């Protein structure tokens, strides 16, 4: 295995992880920002007010984007195993 091959596979892995986790991260960020604005305007500084809606939003985004994430990970795994088979075989 050449170093270029390993570096390319590692780069694809990092890109796939970022692509698969992006919907949850973005939705969690947006919900957190909205809650922070709400807390700042109402001066309610309750800690659970920040965490519970973010957790619910991330779980809902997993339900909504789950098939797409699974498809992305399966495609990456198929390409990884196919490249390894071509390289070894």
PDB file of N, CA and C in Angstrom:
ATOM      1  N   UNK A   1       0.831  -1.176   0.000  1.00  0.00           N
ATOM      2  CA  UNK A   1       0.000   0.000   0.000  1.00  0.00           C
ATOM      3  C   UNK A   1       0.875   1.238   0.000  1.00  0.00           C
ATOM      4  N   UNK A   2       0.665   2.069  -0.950  1.00  0.00           N
ATOM      5  CA  UNK A   2       1.426   3.296  -1.019  1.00  0.00           C
ATOM      6  C   UNK A   2       0.890   4.340  -0.065  1.00  0.00           C
ATOM      7  N   UNK A   3       1.739   5.278   0.284  1.00  0.00           N
ATOM      8  CA  UNK A   3       1.319   6.321   1.224  1.00  0.00           C
ATOM      9  C   UNK A   3       0.249   7.218   0.605  1.00  0.00           C
ATOM     10  N   UNK A   4       0.284   7.413  -0.703  1.00  0.00           N
ATOM     11  CA  UNK A   4      -0.732   8.230  -1.363  1.00  0.00           C
ATOM     12  C   UNK A   4      -2.105   7.593  -1.231  1.00  0.00           C
ATOM     13  N   UNK A   5      -2.130   6.257  -1.359  1.00  0.00           N
ATOM     14  CA  UNK A   5      -3.390   5.519  -1.244  1.00  0.00           C
ATOM     15  C   UNK A   5      -3.975   5.671   0.165  1.00  0.00           C
ATOM     16  N   UNK A   6      -3.144   5.508   1.164  1.00  0.00           N
ATOM     17  CA  UNK A   6      -3.606   5.605   2.551  1.00  0.00           C
ATOM     18  C   UNK A   6      -4.060   7.028   2.867  1.00  0.00           C
ATOM     19  N   UNK A   7      -3.326   8.024   2.402  1.00  0.00           N
ATOM     20  CA  UNK A   7      -3.698   9.420   2.641  1.00  0.00           C
ATOM     21  C   UNK A   7      -5.020   9.744   1.945  1.00  0.00           C
ATOM     22  N   UNK A   8      -5.208   9.235   0.741  1.00  0.00           N
ATOM     23  CA  UNK A   8      -6.465   9.473   0.016  1.00  0.00           C
ATOM     24  C   UNK A   8      -7.641   8.828   0.742  1.00  0.00           C
ATOM     25  N   UNK A   9      -7.463   7.599   1.217  1.00  0.00           N
ATOM     26  CA  UNK A   9      -8.529   6.910   1.947  1.00  0.00           C
ATOM     27  C   UNK A   9      -8.848   7.650   3.251  1.00  0.00           C
ATOM     28  N   UNK A  10      -7.809   8.113   3.956  1.00  0.00           N
ATOM     29  CA  UNK A  10      -8.029   8.853   5.201  1.00  0.00           C
ATOM     30  C   UNK A  10      -8.765  10.162   4.930  1.00  0.00           C
ATOM     31  N   UNK A  11      -8.408  10.841   3.852  1.00  0.00           N
ATOM     32  CA  UNK A  11      -9.104  12.075   3.487  1.00  0.00           C
ATOM     33  C   UNK A  11     -10.562  11.827   3.157  1.00  0.00           C
ATOM     34  N   UNK A  12     -10.840  10.743   2.431  1.00  0.00           N
ATOM     35  CA  UNK A  12     -12.222  10.396   2.121  1.00  0.00           C
ATOM     36  C   UNK A  12     -12.996  10.042   3.387  1.00  0.00           C
ATOM     37  N   UNK A  13     -12.337   9.385   4.330  1.00  0.00           N
ATOM     38  CA  UNK A  13     -12.995   9.020   5.590  1.00  0.00           C
ATOM     39  C   UNK A  13     -13.364  10.269   6.383  1.00  0.00           C
ATOM     40  N   UNK A  14     -12.451  11.219   6.478  1.00  0.00           N
ATOM     41  CA  UNK A  14     -12.737  12.457   7.211  1.00  0.00           C
ATOM     42  C   UNK A  14     -13.862  13.221   6.522  1.00  0.00           C
ATOM     43  N   UNK A  15     -13.828  13.302   5.209  1.00  0.00           N
ATOM     44  CA  UNK A  15     -14.876  13.993   4.464  1.00  0.00           C
ATOM     45  C   UNK A  15     -16.232  13.318   4.672  1.00  0.00           C
ATOM     46  N   UNK A  16     -16.252  11.985   4.667  1.00  0.00           N
ATOM     47  CA  UNK A  16     -17.502  11.252   4.864  1.00  0.00           C
ATOM     48  C   UNK A  16     -18.062  11.478   6.263  1.00  0.00           C
ATOM     49  N   UNK A  17     -17.197  11.494   7.267  1.00  0.00           N
ATOM     50  CA  UNK A  17     -17.657  11.748   8.639  1.00  0.00           C
ATOM     51  C   UNK A  17     -18.232  13.155   8.752  1.00  0.00           C
ATOM     52  N   UNK A  18     -17.565  14.131   8.168  1.00  0.00           N
ATOM     53  CA  UNK A  18     -18.076  15.505   8.207  1.00  0.00           C
ATOM     54  C   UNK A  18     -19.404  15.626   7.465  1.00  0.00           C
ATOM     55  N   UNK A  19     -19.498  14.971   6.326  1.00  0.00           N
ATOM     56  CA  UNK A  19     -20.721  15.029   5.536  1.00  0.00           C
ATOM     57  C   UNK A  19     -21.880  14.336   6.257  1.00  0.00           C
ATOM     58  N   UNK A  20     -21.591  13.222   6.923  1.00  0.00           N
ATOM     59  CA  UNK A  20     -22.649  12.479   7.611  1.00  0.00           C
ATOM     60  C   UNK A  20     -23.101  13.173   8.886  1.00  0.00           C
ATOM     61  N   UNK A  21     -22.208  13.884   9.543  1.00  0.00           N
ATOM     62  CA  UNK A  21     -22.576  14.528  10.807  1.00  0.00           C
ATOM     63  C   UNK A  21     -23.059  15.968  10.625  1.00  0.00           C
ATOM     64  N   UNK A  22     -22.920  16.515   9.454  1.00  0.00           N
ATOM     65  CA  UNK A  22     -23.283  17.913   9.217  1.00  0.00           C
ATOM     66  C   UNK A  22     -24.739  18.245   9.529  1.00  0.00           C
ATOM     67  N   UNK A  23     -25.720  17.435   9.129  1.00  0.00           N
ATOM     68  CA  UNK A  23     -27.109  17.821   9.438  1.00  0.00           C
ATOM     69  C   UNK A  23     -27.381  17.958  10.936  1.00  0.00           C
ATOM     70  N   UNK A  24     -26.877  17.025  11.731  1.00  0.00           N
ATOM     71  CA  UNK A  24     -27.105  17.101  13.175  1.00  0.00           C
ATOM     72  C   UNK A  24     -26.386  18.299  13.791  1.00  0.00           C
ATOM     73  N   UNK A  25     -25.163  18.537  13.338  1.00  0.00           N
ATOM     74  CA  UNK A  25     -24.398  19.657  13.885  1.00  0.00           C
ATOM     75  C   UNK A  25     -25.034  20.999  13.541  1.00  0.00           C
ATOM     76  N   UNK A  26     -25.478  21.147  12.314  1.00  0.00           N
ATOM     77  CA  UNK A  26     -26.081  22.414  11.885  1.00  0.00           C
ATOM     78  C   UNK A  26     -27.398  22.657  12.607  1.00  0.00           C
ATOM     79  N   UNK A  27     -28.219  21.622  12.719  1.00  0.00           N
ATOM     80  CA  UNK A  27     -29.502  21.788  13.406  1.00  0.00           C
ATOM     81  C   UNK A  27     -29.278  22.072  14.888  1.00  0.00           C
ATOM     82  N   UNK A  28     -28.327  21.366  15.513  1.00  0.00           N
ATOM     83  CA  UNK A  28     -28.007  21.648  16.909  1.00  0.00           C
ATOM     84  C   UNK A  28     -27.495  23.055  17.108  1.00  0.00           C
ATOM     85  N   UNK A  29     -26.691  23.543  16.170  1.00  0.00           N
ATOM     86  CA  UNK A  29     -26.174  24.905  16.241  1.00  0.00           C
ATOM     87  C   UNK A  29     -27.285  25.936  16.117  1.00  0.00           C
ATOM     88  N   UNK A  30     -28.184  25.729  15.171  1.00  0.00           N
ATOM     89  CA  UNK A  30     -29.281  26.680  14.960  1.00  0.00           C
ATOM     90  C   UNK A  30     -30.213  26.699  16.174  1.00  0.00           C
ATOM     91  N   UNK A  31     -30.564  25.523  16.682  1.00  0.00           N
ATOM     92  CA  UNK A  31     -31.443  25.472  17.855  1.00  0.00           C
ATOM     93  C   UNK A  31     -30.757  26.109  19.059  1.00  0.00           C
ATOM     94  N   UNK A  32     -29.473  25.836  19.253  1.00  0.00           N
ATOM     95  CA  UNK A  32     -28.737  26.452  20.349  1.00  0.00           C
ATOM     96  C   UNK A  32     -28.685  27.964  20.235  1.00  0.00           C
ATOM     97  N   UNK A  33     -28.510  28.469  19.021  1.00  0.00           N
ATOM     98  CA  UNK A  33     -28.494  29.917  18.808  1.00  0.00           C
ATOM     99  C   UNK A  33     -29.851  30.544  19.108  1.00  0.00           C
ATOM    100  N   UNK A  34     -30.914  29.895  18.667  1.00  0.00           N
ATOM    101  CA  UNK A  34     -32.263  30.407  18.932  1.00  0.00           C
ATOM    102  C   UNK A  34     -32.537  30.418  20.428  1.00  0.00           C
ATOM    103  N   UNK A  35     -32.139  29.357  21.113  1.00  0.00           N
ATOM    104  CA  UNK A  35     -32.375  29.292  22.565  1.00  0.00           C
ATOM    105  C   UNK A  35     -31.529  30.324  23.284  1.00  0.00           C
ATOM    106  N   UNK A  36     -30.308  30.537  22.838  1.00  0.00           N
ATOM    107  CA  UNK A  36     -29.460  31.556  23.467  1.00  0.00           C
ATOM    108  C   UNK A  36     -30.051  32.946  23.302  1.00  0.00           C
ATOM    109  N   UNK A  37     -30.583  33.226  22.116  1.00  0.00           N
ATOM    110  CA  UNK A  37     -31.231  34.525  21.897  1.00  0.00           C
ATOM    111  C   UNK A  37     -32.457  34.659  22.792  1.00  0.00           C
ATOM    112  N   UNK A  38     -33.235  33.584  22.901  1.00  0.00           N
ATOM    113  CA  UNK A  38     -34.410  33.600  23.775  1.00  0.00           C
ATOM    114  C   UNK A  38     -34.011  33.817  25.229  1.00  0.00           C
ATOM    115  N   UNK A  39     -32.949  33.136  25.681  1.00  0.00           N
ATOM    116  CA  UNK A  39     -32.494  33.301  27.058  1.00  0.00           C
ATOM    117  C   UNK A  39     -31.965  34.710  27.310  1.00  0.00           C
ATOM    118  N   UNK A  40     -31.301  35.279  26.335  1.00  0.00           N
ATOM    119  CA  UNK A  40     -30.756  36.626  26.509  1.00  0.00           C
ATOM    120  C   UNK A  40     -31.862  37.675  26.553  1.00  0.00           C
ATOM    121  N   UNK A  41     -32.894  37.485  25.757  1.00  0.00           N
ATOM    122  CA  UNK A  41     -33.963  38.482  25.740  1.00  0.00           C
ATOM    123  C   UNK A  41     -34.873  38.370  26.954  1.00  0.00           C
ATOM    124  N   UNK A  42     -35.088  37.157  27.448  1.00  0.00           N
ATOM    125  CA  UNK A  42     -35.987  36.986  28.595  1.00  0.00           C
ATOM    126  C   UNK A  42     -35.235  36.924  29.917  1.00  0.00           C
ATOM    127  N   UNK A  43     -33.928  36.858  29.880  1.00  0.00           N
ATOM    128  CA  UNK A  43     -33.058  36.758  31.050  1.00  0.00           C
ATOM    129  C   UNK A  43     -33.363  35.513  31.887  1.00  0.00           C
ATOM    130  N   UNK A  44     -33.798  34.454  31.221  1.00  0.00           N
ATOM    131  CA  UNK A  44     -33.981  33.155  31.876  1.00  0.00           C
ATOM    132  C   UNK A  44     -32.679  32.383  31.670  1.00  0.00           C
ATOM    133  N   UNK A  45     -32.007  32.031  32.747  1.00  0.00           N
ATOM    134  CA  UNK A  45     -30.720  31.351  32.646  1.00  0.00           C
ATOM    135  C   UNK A  45     -30.817  29.915  33.163  1.00  0.00           C
ATOM    136  N   UNK A  46     -31.822  29.201  32.730  1.00  0.00           N
ATOM    137  CA  UNK A  46     -32.003  27.812  33.138  1.00  0.00           C
ATOM    138  C   UNK A  46     -31.160  26.913  32.235  1.00  0.00           C
ATOM    139  N   UNK A  47     -30.341  26.051  32.820  1.00  0.00           N
ATOM    140  CA  UNK A  47     -29.433  25.206  32.038  1.00  0.00           C
ATOM    141  C   UNK A  47     -30.180  24.161  31.220  1.00  0.00           C
ATOM    142  N   UNK A  48     -31.238  23.580  31.789  1.00  0.00           N
ATOM    143  CA  UNK A  48     -31.959  22.541  31.055  1.00  0.00           C
ATOM    144  C   UNK A  48     -32.690  23.109  29.848  1.00  0.00           C
ATOM    145  N   UNK A  49     -32.977  24.391  29.866  1.00  0.00           N
ATOM    146  CA  UNK A  49     -33.633  25.018  28.721  1.00  0.00           C
ATOM    147  C   UNK A  49     -32.734  24.979  27.487  1.00  0.00           C
ATOM    148  N   UNK A  50     -31.431  24.948  27.694  1.00  0.00           N
ATOM    149  CA  UNK A  50     -30.504  24.916  26.561  1.00  0.00           C
ATOM    150  C   UNK A  50     -30.304  23.493  26.044  1.00  0.00           C
ATOM    151  N   UNK A  51     -30.296  22.505  26.924  1.00  0.00           N
ATOM    152  CA  UNK A  51     -29.916  21.153  26.502  1.00  0.00           C
ATOM    153  C   UNK A  51     -31.071  20.339  25.943  1.00  0.00           C
ATOM    154  N   UNK A  52     -32.221  20.387  26.568  1.00  0.00           N
ATOM    155  CA  UNK A  52     -33.331  19.523  26.164  1.00  0.00           C
ATOM    156  C   UNK A  52     -33.783  19.793  24.729  1.00  0.00           C
ATOM    157  N   UNK A  53     -34.009  21.036  24.319  1.00  0.00           N
ATOM    158  CA  UNK A  53     -34.422  21.250  22.924  1.00  0.00           C
ATOM    159  C   UNK A  53     -33.344  20.841  21.908  1.00  0.00           C
ATOM    160  N   UNK A  54     -32.070  21.032  22.268  1.00  0.00           N
ATOM    161  CA  UNK A  54     -31.004  20.606  21.346  1.00  0.00           C
ATOM    162  C   UNK A  54     -30.995  19.101  21.185  1.00  0.00           C
ATOM    163  N   UNK A  55     -31.169  18.380  22.282  1.00  0.00           N
ATOM    164  CA  UNK A  55     -31.193  16.923  22.211  1.00  0.00           C
ATOM    165  C   UNK A  55     -32.369  16.450  21.368  1.00  0.00           C
ATOM    166  N   UNK A  56     -33.524  17.045  21.579  1.00  0.00           N
ATOM    167  CA  UNK A  56     -34.708  16.667  20.800  1.00  0.00           C
ATOM    168  C   UNK A  56     -34.504  16.992  19.320  1.00  0.00           C
ATOM    169  N   UNK A  57     -33.938  18.148  19.034  1.00  0.00           N
ATOM    170  CA  UNK A  57     -33.713  18.536  17.640  1.00  0.00           C
ATOM    171  C   UNK A  57     -32.720  17.604  16.957  1.00  0.00           C
ATOM    172  N   UNK A  58     -31.658  17.226  17.655  1.00  0.00           N
ATOM    173  CA  UNK A  58     -30.669  16.321  17.065  1.00  0.00           C
ATOM    174  C   UNK A  58     -31.278  14.939  16.841  1.00  0.00           C
ATOM    175  N   UNK A  59     -32.073  14.448  17.791  1.00  0.00           N
ATOM    176  CA  UNK A  59     -32.723  13.147  17.599  1.00  0.00           C
ATOM    177  C   UNK A  59     -33.704  13.181  16.430  1.00  0.00           C
ATOM    178  N   UNK A  60     -34.447  14.271  16.298  1.00  0.00           N
ATOM    179  CA  UNK A  60     -35.351  14.393  15.148  1.00  0.00           C
ATOM    180  C   UNK A  60     -34.583  14.466  13.834  1.00  0.00           C
ATOM    181  N   UNK A  61     -33.443  15.154  13.841  1.00  0.00           N
ATOM    182  CA  UNK A  61     -32.649  15.229  12.612  1.00  0.00           C
ATOM    183  C   UNK A  61     -32.054  13.866  12.266  1.00  0.00           C
ATOM    184  N   UNK A  62     -31.729  13.062  13.275  1.00  0.00           N
ATOM    185  CA  UNK A  62     -31.255  11.701  12.991  1.00  0.00           C
ATOM    186  C   UNK A  62     -32.368  10.890  12.343  1.00  0.00           C
ATOM    187  N   UNK A  63     -33.602  11.045  12.826  1.00  0.00           N
ATOM    188  CA  UNK A  63     -34.725  10.330  12.219  1.00  0.00           C
ATOM    189  C   UNK A  63     -34.978  10.796  10.786  1.00  0.00           C
ATOM    190  N   UNK A  64     -34.864  12.093  10.562  1.00  0.00           N
ATOM    191  CA  UNK A  64     -35.138  12.632   9.227  1.00  0.00           C
ATOM    192  C   UNK A  64     -34.010  12.290   8.249  1.00  0.00           C
ATOM    193  N   UNK A  65     -32.753  12.514   8.673  1.00  0.00           N
ATOM    194  CA  UNK A  65     -31.619  12.323   7.771  1.00  0.00           C
ATOM    195  C   UNK A  65     -30.982  10.940   7.882  1.00  0.00           C
ATOM    196  N   UNK A  66     -31.552  10.053   8.709  1.00  0.00           N
ATOM    197  CA  UNK A  66     -30.979   8.729   8.916  1.00  0.00           C
ATOM    198  C   UNK A  66     -30.766   7.920   7.642  1.00  0.00           C
ATOM    199  N   UNK A  67     -31.778   7.824   6.774  1.00  0.00           N
ATOM    200  CA  UNK A  67     -31.564   7.061   5.532  1.00  0.00           C
ATOM    201  C   UNK A  67     -30.450   7.637   4.651  1.00  0.00           C
ATOM    202  N   UNK A  68     -30.367   8.963   4.593  1.00  0.00           N
ATOM    203  CA  UNK A  68     -29.316   9.584   3.790  1.00  0.00           C
ATOM    204  C   UNK A  68     -27.936   9.316   4.387  1.00  0.00           C
ATOM    205  N   UNK A  69     -27.843   9.400   5.716  1.00  0.00           N
ATOM    206  CA  UNK A  69     -26.572   9.122   6.392  1.00  0.00           C
ATOM    207  C   UNK A  69     -26.161   7.679   6.168  1.00  0.00           C
ATOM    208  N   UNK A  70     -27.114   6.762   6.313  1.00  0.00           N
ATOM    209  CA  UNK A  70     -26.816   5.348   6.099  1.00  0.00           C
ATOM    210  C   UNK A  70     -26.364   5.093   4.668  1.00  0.00           C
ATOM    211  N   UNK A  71     -27.025   5.727   3.713  1.00  0.00           N
ATOM    212  CA  UNK A  71     -26.647   5.573   2.310  1.00  0.00           C
ATOM    213  C   UNK A  71     -25.237   6.117   2.066  1.00  0.00           C
ATOM    214  N   UNK A  72     -24.906   7.249   2.679  1.00  0.00           N
ATOM    215  CA  UNK A  72     -23.572   7.835   2.544  1.00  0.00           C
ATOM    216  C   UNK A  72     -22.502   6.902   3.108  1.00  0.00           C
ATOM    217  N   UNK A  73     -22.757   6.344   4.284  1.00  0.00           N
ATOM    218  CA  UNK A  73     -21.784   5.449   4.904  1.00  0.00           C
ATOM    219  C   UNK A  73     -21.644   4.131   4.142  1.00  0.00           C
ATOM    220  N   UNK A  74     -22.751   3.627   3.610  1.00  0.00           N
ATOM    221  CA  UNK A  74     -22.683   2.391   2.822  1.00  0.00           C
ATOM    222  C   UNK A  74     -21.905   2.633   1.534  1.00  0.00           C
ATOM    223  N   UNK A  75     -22.122   3.766   0.881  1.00  0.00           N
ATOM    224  CA  UNK A  75     -21.362   4.090  -0.331  1.00  0.00           C
ATOM    225  C   UNK A  75     -19.870   4.202  -0.042  1.00  0.00           C
ATOM    226  N   UNK A  76     -19.529   4.858   1.076  1.00  0.00           N
ATOM    227  CA  UNK A  76     -18.122   4.983   1.437  1.00  0.00           C
ATOM    228  C   UNK A  76     -17.510   3.606   1.709  1.00  0.00           C
ATOM    229  N   UNK A  77     -18.230   2.771   2.444  1.00  0.00           N
ATOM    230  CA  UNK A  77     -17.717   1.436   2.752  1.00  0.00           C
ATOM    231  C   UNK A  77     -17.559   0.603   1.489  1.00  0.00           C
ATOM    232  N   UNK A  78     -18.528   0.678   0.579  1.00  0.00           N
ATOM    233  CA  UNK A  78     -18.429  -0.062  -0.678  1.00  0.00           C
ATOM    234  C   UNK A  78     -17.213   0.397  -1.480  1.00  0.00           C
ATOM    235  N   UNK A  79     -17.023   1.720  -1.587  1.00  0.00           N
ATOM    236  CA  UNK A  79     -15.866   2.234  -2.330  1.00  0.00           C
ATOM    237  C   UNK A  79     -14.549   1.852  -1.658  1.00  0.00           C
ATOM    238  N   UNK A  80     -14.525   1.877  -0.321  1.00  0.00           N
ATOM    239  CA  UNK A  80     -13.322   1.505   0.414  1.00  0.00           C
ATOM    240  C   UNK A  80     -12.958   0.048   0.170  1.00  0.00           C
ATOM    241  N   UNK A  81     -13.941  -0.827   0.319  1.00  0.00           N
ATOM    242  CA  UNK A  81     -13.670  -2.252   0.112  1.00  0.00           C
ATOM    243  C   UNK A  81     -13.357  -2.564  -1.350  1.00  0.00           C
ATOM    244  N   UNK A  82     -14.006  -1.863  -2.263  1.00  0.00           N
ATOM    245  CA  UNK A  82     -13.723  -2.057  -3.689  1.00  0.00           C
ATOM    246  C   UNK A  82     -12.304  -1.616  -4.026  1.00  0.00           C
ATOM    247  N   UNK A  83     -11.860  -0.486  -3.465  1.00  0.00           N
ATOM    248  CA  UNK A  83     -10.492  -0.023  -3.702  1.00  0.00           C
ATOM    249  C   UNK A  83      -9.465  -0.964  -3.087  1.00  0.00           C
ATOM    250  N   UNK A  84      -9.772  -1.466  -1.900  1.00  0.00           N
ATOM    251  CA  UNK A  84      -8.851  -2.418  -1.273  1.00  0.00           C
ATOM    252  C   UNK A  84      -8.765  -3.710  -2.077  1.00  0.00           C
ATOM    253  N   UNK A  85      -9.892  -4.175  -2.599  1.00  0.00           N
ATOM    254  CA  UNK A  85      -9.894  -5.393  -3.400  1.00  0.00           C
ATOM    255  C   UNK A  85      -9.086  -5.193  -4.684  1.00  0.00           C
ATOM    256  N   UNK A  86      -9.230  -4.040  -5.325  1.00  0.00           N
ATOM    257  CA  UNK A  86      -8.468  -3.746  -6.540  1.00  0.00           C
ATOM    258  C   UNK A  86      -6.981  -3.659  -6.224  1.00  0.00           C
ATOM    259  N   UNK A  87      -6.658  -3.068  -5.058  1.00  0.00           N
ATOM    260  CA  UNK A  87      -5.253  -2.888  -4.705  1.00  0.00           C
ATOM    261  C   UNK A  87      -4.597  -4.224  -4.353  1.00  0.00           C
ATOM    262  N   UNK A  88      -5.296  -5.060  -3.604  1.00  0.00           N
ATOM    263  CA  UNK A  88      -4.727  -6.335  -3.160  1.00  0.00           C
ATOM    264  C   UNK A  88      -4.858  -7.380  -4.251  1.00  0.00           C
ATOM    265  N   UNK A  89      -6.041  -7.444  -4.856  1.00  0.00           N
ATOM    266  CA  UNK A  89      -6.302  -8.510  -5.817  1.00  0.00           C
ATOM    267  C   UNK A  89      -5.821  -8.147  -7.162  1.00  0.00           C
TER     268      UNK A  89
END
